[in-house]
Amino acid sequence: MHPHFETYLQTHTTLLPENIQRVSSMAIRHTLRRNEFILSTGEICRHKVFVISGMLRMFSTSADSSEHILQFAPENGWTLDVESYDKQIPSLVNISAIEPSVILCWTKADFTSLLSDIPQFKSFADQIVARNIYYNRQRMLTMLSATPEERYESFVREFPGYLLRLPLRMIAAYLGISIKTLTRIRHTQLLRS
């Protein structure tokens, strides 16, 4: 069993103990090294992933080798390439560990079975999906309309703990700005304080 995950479900859901045990028992635990991939571009995403410890990132790489980070998944976070998982088509993104991480994975068949057999778990999963849709819409609006300074300030407000865990190049890749621009913004803010 997976005590950390079971505590997470007890805290965030109203699932009965036997249902928590069932969801937990179907998970496969993996330990990842720093920079280890769990999904590479071109592969089919076959698992839903929950992060017990560490942090993952979902990203794509352009022809010029620049990285574009779509999501960070820290402890108690979920991640997958939704389109690849749902349609069982090759992924356009990578998912890898930023730091040593412990994750739980469910196969599509197992997770689908859990969703159909445990209505409360399906409701919980739907809430997570809805929350991600809302967050991604807000992030897209910010990326389209905010200045680089406003994007950085929003990032700091939303994820204050990430600043100590992430290299600046990853923060810049998430914000869609160059490392030079990010360094300038941070320097300007330091001078103001």
Protein backbone atom coordinates (compact mmCIF):
# COMPACT_ATOMS: atom_id res chain seq x y z
CA MET A 1 0.00 0.00 0.00
CA HIS A 2 0.95 3.65 -0.26
CA PRO A 3 0.35 5.50 3.06
CA HIS A 4 1.15 9.00 1.74
CA PHE A 5 -1.33 8.62 -1.12
CA GLU A 6 -3.97 7.11 1.16
CA THR A 7 -3.63 10.08 3.52
CA TYR A 8 -3.96 12.40 0.51
CA LEU A 9 -7.22 10.70 -0.51
CA GLN A 10 -8.54 10.77 3.08
CA THR A 11 -7.82 14.52 3.21
CA HIS A 12 -9.19 15.44 -0.23
CA THR A 13 -12.13 13.07 -0.70
CA THR A 14 -14.98 11.41 1.17
CA LEU A 15 -14.05 7.96 -0.16
CA LEU A 16 -14.73 5.00 2.09
CA PRO A 17 -11.60 3.30 3.52
CA GLU A 18 -12.14 0.20 1.36
CA ASN A 19 -12.30 2.34 -1.78
CA ILE A 20 -9.13 4.20 -0.77
CA GLN A 21 -7.45 0.82 -0.31
CA ARG A 22 -8.63 -0.33 -3.74
CA VAL A 23 -7.39 2.80 -5.53
CA SER A 24 -4.07 2.58 -3.69
CA SER A 25 -3.61 -1.15 -4.32
CA MET A 26 -3.86 -0.68 -8.09
CA ALA A 27 -1.04 1.89 -8.17
CA ILE A 28 2.47 0.95 -9.21
CA ARG A 29 5.25 2.79 -7.33
CA HIS A 30 8.32 4.06 -9.20
CA THR A 31 11.40 5.90 -8.02
CA LEU A 32 12.86 8.34 -10.55
CA ARG A 33 16.34 9.79 -10.74
CA ARG A 34 16.84 13.47 -11.50
CA ASN A 35 16.20 14.08 -15.24
CA GLU A 36 14.72 10.58 -15.75
CA PHE A 37 11.88 10.51 -18.30
CA ILE A 38 8.56 8.77 -17.75
CA LEU A 39 7.26 9.89 -21.16
CA SER A 40 9.12 10.96 -24.29
CA THR A 41 7.82 12.65 -27.41
CA GLY A 42 6.49 10.01 -29.79
CA GLU A 43 5.57 7.50 -27.07
CA ILE A 44 1.97 6.82 -26.06
CA CYS A 45 1.02 8.00 -22.57
CA ARG A 46 -0.25 4.86 -20.84
CA HIS A 47 -0.45 5.98 -17.20
CA LYS A 48 -2.02 8.51 -14.87
CA VAL A 49 0.72 9.71 -12.53
CA PHE A 50 0.56 10.97 -8.93
CA VAL A 51 3.68 12.53 -7.38
CA ILE A 52 4.42 11.37 -3.83
CA SER A 53 7.69 13.29 -3.54
CA GLY A 54 9.89 15.34 -5.82
CA MET A 55 8.78 17.29 -8.87
CA LEU A 56 8.11 16.51 -12.53
CA ARG A 57 7.84 18.76 -15.55
CA MET A 58 5.90 18.40 -18.79
CA PHE A 59 7.64 20.09 -21.71
CA SER A 60 8.24 20.18 -25.42
CA THR A 61 11.42 21.03 -27.27
CA SER A 62 11.46 23.16 -30.42
CA ALA A 63 13.65 22.64 -33.47
CA ASP A 64 16.20 25.10 -32.03
CA SER A 65 16.40 22.95 -28.84
CA SER A 66 14.61 25.49 -26.65
CA GLU A 67 12.36 24.07 -23.99
CA HIS A 68 8.74 25.08 -23.43
CA ILE A 69 7.46 23.95 -20.04
CA LEU A 70 3.71 23.40 -19.88
CA GLN A 71 3.36 22.14 -16.31
CA PHE A 72 5.20 21.43 -13.09
CA ALA A 73 3.88 18.57 -10.95
CA PRO A 74 5.13 18.71 -7.34
CA GLU A 75 4.18 16.50 -4.39
CA ASN A 76 0.46 15.64 -4.35
CA GLY A 77 0.20 16.66 -8.00
CA TRP A 78 -1.12 14.66 -10.93
CA THR A 79 0.27 14.63 -14.45
CA LEU A 80 -0.10 12.96 -17.84
CA ASP A 81 -0.37 13.91 -21.49
CA VAL A 82 -4.16 14.01 -21.64
CA GLU A 83 -4.50 13.83 -25.43
CA SER A 84 -2.04 10.96 -25.84
CA TYR A 85 -3.64 9.07 -22.91
CA ASP A 86 -7.24 9.58 -24.04
CA LYS A 87 -6.72 8.92 -27.75
CA GLN A 88 -3.76 6.51 -27.37
CA ILE A 89 -1.74 8.49 -29.91
CA PRO A 90 1.96 9.47 -29.82
CA SER A 91 2.72 12.24 -27.36
CA LEU A 92 3.91 15.67 -28.42
CA VAL A 93 5.49 16.28 -24.99
CA ASN A 94 8.00 14.84 -22.55
CA ILE A 95 7.54 14.29 -18.83
CA SER A 96 10.65 14.00 -16.66
CA ALA A 97 11.79 14.35 -13.07
CA ILE A 98 13.33 17.68 -12.11
CA GLU A 99 14.60 16.21 -8.86
CA PRO A 100 14.66 12.65 -7.45
CA SER A 101 10.99 11.69 -7.26
CA VAL A 102 8.65 8.94 -6.13
CA ILE A 103 5.51 8.49 -8.22
CA LEU A 104 2.47 6.24 -8.41
CA CYS A 105 1.16 5.10 -11.81
CA TRP A 106 -2.13 3.55 -12.86
CA THR A 107 -2.66 1.93 -16.26
CA LYS A 108 -5.48 3.32 -18.35
CA ALA A 109 -7.48 0.09 -17.94
CA ASP A 110 -7.08 0.10 -14.14
CA PHE A 111 -7.89 3.81 -13.77
CA THR A 112 -10.94 3.52 -16.04
CA SER A 113 -12.14 0.58 -13.95
CA LEU A 114 -11.73 2.61 -10.73
CA LEU A 115 -13.67 5.52 -12.23
CA SER A 116 -16.57 3.34 -13.29
CA ASP A 117 -16.69 1.30 -10.07
CA ILE A 118 -16.28 4.17 -7.57
CA PRO A 119 -18.52 7.16 -8.43
CA GLN A 120 -17.00 9.34 -5.68
CA PHE A 121 -13.53 8.75 -7.14
CA LYS A 122 -14.81 9.72 -10.60
CA SER A 123 -16.26 12.91 -9.13
CA PHE A 124 -12.90 13.68 -7.49
CA ALA A 125 -11.03 13.02 -10.78
CA ASP A 126 -13.50 15.28 -12.63
CA GLN A 127 -12.80 18.08 -10.12
CA ILE A 128 -9.06 17.77 -10.76
CA VAL A 129 -9.63 17.91 -14.53
CA ALA A 130 -11.90 20.97 -14.17
CA ARG A 131 -9.36 22.73 -11.93
CA ASN A 132 -6.63 22.08 -14.53
CA ILE A 133 -8.83 23.43 -17.33
CA TYR A 134 -9.54 26.62 -15.35
CA TYR A 135 -5.87 27.05 -14.45
CA ASN A 136 -4.69 26.46 -18.05
CA ARG A 137 -7.22 28.97 -19.39
CA GLN A 138 -6.00 31.59 -16.92
CA ARG A 139 -2.38 30.79 -17.75
CA MET A 140 -3.09 31.16 -21.47
CA LEU A 141 -4.73 34.54 -20.92
CA THR A 142 -1.75 35.65 -18.85
CA MET A 143 0.72 34.46 -21.50
CA LEU A 144 -1.18 36.34 -24.21
CA SER A 145 -1.80 39.61 -22.42
CA ALA A 146 0.68 40.08 -19.56
CA THR A 147 4.13 41.61 -19.75
CA PRO A 148 7.11 39.42 -18.81
CA GLU A 149 7.24 41.26 -15.46
CA GLU A 150 3.57 40.52 -14.79
CA ARG A 151 4.05 36.85 -15.75
CA TYR A 152 6.94 36.55 -13.32
CA GLU A 153 5.01 38.29 -10.51
CA SER A 154 2.06 35.95 -11.11
CA PHE A 155 4.39 32.93 -10.98
CA VAL A 156 5.92 34.10 -7.69
CA ARG A 157 2.42 34.61 -6.20
CA GLU A 158 1.11 31.25 -7.41
CA PHE A 159 4.20 29.14 -6.67
CA PRO A 160 6.43 30.84 -4.08
CA GLY A 161 8.08 27.56 -3.09
CA TYR A 162 9.18 26.80 -6.65
CA LEU A 163 11.76 29.60 -6.71
CA LEU A 164 14.10 27.64 -4.45
CA ARG A 165 13.54 24.33 -6.24
CA LEU A 166 13.78 25.28 -9.92
CA PRO A 167 16.71 26.50 -12.00
CA LEU A 168 16.09 29.90 -13.57
CA ARG A 169 16.18 28.38 -17.08
CA MET A 170 13.10 26.27 -16.21
CA ILE A 171 11.23 29.23 -14.76
CA ALA A 172 12.03 31.20 -17.93
CA ALA A 173 10.89 28.25 -20.11
CA TYR A 174 7.61 28.11 -18.17
CA LEU A 175 7.05 31.87 -18.49
CA GLY A 176 7.92 31.93 -22.19
CA ILE A 177 10.74 34.43 -21.76
CA SER A 178 14.51 34.30 -22.21
CA ILE A 179 16.82 33.67 -19.28
CA LYS A 180 18.31 37.13 -19.97
CA THR A 181 14.87 38.77 -19.56
CA LEU A 182 14.19 36.79 -16.37
CA THR A 183 17.56 37.81 -14.91
CA ARG A 184 16.83 41.46 -15.73
CA ILE A 185 13.38 41.28 -14.09
CA ARG A 186 14.79 39.67 -10.94
CA HIS A 187 17.62 42.22 -10.77
CA THR A 188 15.16 45.12 -11.11
CA GLN A 189 13.00 43.69 -8.33
CA LEU A 190 16.02 43.28 -6.04
CA LEU A 191 16.95 46.93 -6.59
CA ARG A 192 13.40 47.98 -5.66
CA SER A 193 13.40 46.10 -2.36
